[in-house]
Each structure stands twice: as structure tokens, then as C-alpha cells.
Amino acid sequence: MFTVWVIWAGPGQTSHGLDTDDVGYEVVSAHRTVVHTQVSVDPGTTAKCAVQVLDKSYTIVGWKEIRVPASDQRTRSITTPVNTVSRGVTGLIHDCWVP
């Protein structure tokens, strides 16, 4: 069992210091919400994030995958316009990962 853990936790299983913070959102119209977030990742590392907009029933009404380009800065402010199928009431980062 120990051998399995070592293989799983071995090379390639790093988070690259990836962290996100939801800063806010603006419901621009019934079909568009702008999501403001901060993404922190090790300098020089590219990340991808899935941004979602939810309606009052917590149903996903908008979804967009974004690329966070590599930078010499650890933390970046990201503004993401998301088209929606109906009016959203909140917007946030669903998940981020290093491809």
C-alpha cells in the first residue's frame, strides 16, 4: 500500500501554489454577467479556470473556461464576461487547474 501512495504523490502531483479568491460579480443583463476573481499560481505557470454563473435556484446558467497566462507575478486579477441563458444572481470560479 505504501508503494501505491508514493507513486500517486510522486512527480507531477503538485498544486503549483494554485489558489483562487472570488472578488465579486456584476449582472450586466439577463444574458451577461462579469465575474471578478484573483488567481494565484507560481510565477511562470499557466493555469486554466472554469468560471460559472448561477441563477437563484443555484442552476448553472453560464460557463466559461479561461486561460490564465504565465506571468512573473504570483497573483493576478481576472475579469471574465460570461454569457448566460437567463439572469444570473452570482458568479464565481468553479475550479482551476494546471494543464
Protein backbone atom coordinates (compact mmCIF):
# COMPACT_ATOMS: atom_id res chain seq x y z
CA MET A 1 0.00 0.00 0.00
CA PHE A 2 2.85 2.41 0.76
CA THR A 3 4.23 1.92 -2.76
CA VAL A 4 0.92 2.99 -4.29
CA TRP A 5 0.93 6.20 -2.24
CA VAL A 6 4.48 7.06 -3.28
CA ILE A 7 3.59 6.64 -6.95
CA TRP A 8 0.42 8.75 -6.60
CA ALA A 9 2.14 11.55 -4.67
CA GLY A 10 5.23 11.49 -6.85
CA PRO A 11 6.30 13.87 -9.63
CA GLY A 12 3.55 15.73 -11.43
CA GLN A 13 1.25 15.83 -8.39
CA THR A 14 1.94 19.42 -7.37
CA SER A 15 -0.59 22.23 -6.95
CA HIS A 16 1.84 24.88 -8.26
CA GLY A 17 0.66 27.09 -5.39
CA LEU A 18 -2.71 27.43 -7.12
CA ASP A 19 -5.30 29.39 -5.17
CA THR A 20 -8.36 31.46 -6.11
CA ASP A 21 -10.44 34.16 -4.47
CA ASP A 22 -13.85 35.30 -5.69
CA VAL A 23 -13.79 39.10 -5.61
CA GLY A 24 -17.23 39.94 -6.98
CA TYR A 25 -19.54 39.93 -9.97
CA GLU A 26 -21.75 42.30 -11.95
CA VAL A 27 -25.01 41.19 -13.52
CA VAL A 28 -24.87 43.31 -16.67
CA SER A 29 -28.08 41.99 -18.25
CA ALA A 30 -30.33 38.94 -18.36
CA HIS A 31 -27.76 37.32 -20.63
CA ARG A 32 -24.39 38.53 -19.34
CA THR A 33 -22.54 38.57 -16.01
CA VAL A 34 -18.98 39.75 -15.39
CA VAL A 35 -17.04 37.76 -12.79
CA HIS A 36 -14.08 39.30 -10.92
CA THR A 37 -11.54 36.95 -9.33
CA GLN A 38 -7.96 36.71 -8.21
CA VAL A 39 -5.90 33.71 -9.24
CA SER A 40 -2.59 32.94 -7.54
CA VAL A 41 -0.18 30.45 -9.09
CA ASP A 42 3.58 30.04 -9.07
CA PRO A 43 5.31 32.59 -11.34
CA GLY A 44 5.89 31.22 -14.84
CA THR A 45 2.98 28.75 -14.57
CA THR A 46 -0.04 28.78 -16.88
CA ALA A 47 -3.40 27.77 -15.39
CA LYS A 48 -6.94 27.20 -16.62
CA CYS A 49 -10.10 28.01 -14.70
CA ALA A 50 -13.79 27.30 -15.12
CA VAL A 51 -15.96 30.32 -14.31
CA GLN A 52 -19.66 29.80 -13.69
CA VAL A 53 -22.76 31.94 -13.23
CA LEU A 54 -25.67 30.59 -11.18
CA ASP A 55 -29.32 31.62 -11.02
CA LYS A 56 -31.45 31.93 -7.88
CA SER A 57 -32.06 28.14 -7.89
CA TYR A 58 -28.27 27.51 -7.98
CA THR A 59 -28.58 26.21 -11.53
CA ILE A 60 -25.63 26.92 -13.81
CA VAL A 61 -26.80 29.43 -16.43
CA GLY A 62 -23.37 30.40 -17.76
CA TRP A 63 -19.99 28.69 -18.01
CA LYS A 64 -16.67 29.74 -19.47
CA GLU A 65 -13.24 28.16 -19.39
CA ILE A 66 -10.43 30.71 -19.29
CA ARG A 67 -6.67 30.52 -19.63
CA VAL A 68 -4.53 32.33 -17.06
CA PRO A 69 -1.26 33.01 -18.87
CA ALA A 70 2.11 32.57 -17.21
CA SER A 71 3.41 35.71 -15.54
CA ASP A 72 6.23 36.83 -13.27
CA GLN A 73 3.54 37.87 -10.76
CA ARG A 74 2.07 35.27 -8.41
CA THR A 75 -1.39 36.86 -8.08
CA ARG A 76 -3.43 38.18 -10.98
CA SER A 77 -6.78 39.95 -11.10
CA ILE A 78 -9.02 38.37 -13.72
CA THR A 79 -12.22 39.85 -15.17
CA THR A 80 -14.33 37.36 -17.11
CA PRO A 81 -17.50 38.25 -19.02
CA VAL A 82 -19.79 35.20 -19.16
CA ASN A 83 -22.79 34.88 -21.47
CA THR A 84 -25.82 33.35 -19.75
CA VAL A 85 -29.03 31.65 -20.88
CA SER A 86 -31.03 33.52 -18.21
CA ARG A 87 -30.39 36.10 -15.47
CA GLY A 88 -27.66 35.07 -13.06
CA VAL A 89 -27.55 36.05 -9.41
CA THR A 90 -23.91 35.16 -8.66
CA GLY A 91 -20.68 34.43 -10.50
CA LEU A 92 -17.61 32.60 -9.25
CA ILE A 93 -14.66 30.35 -10.03
CA HIS A 94 -15.80 26.73 -10.11
CA ASP A 95 -12.32 25.20 -10.36
CA CYS A 96 -8.77 25.89 -11.52
CA TRP A 97 -6.00 23.54 -12.59
CA VAL A 98 -2.57 23.50 -14.18
CA PRO A 99 -2.78 21.79 -17.58
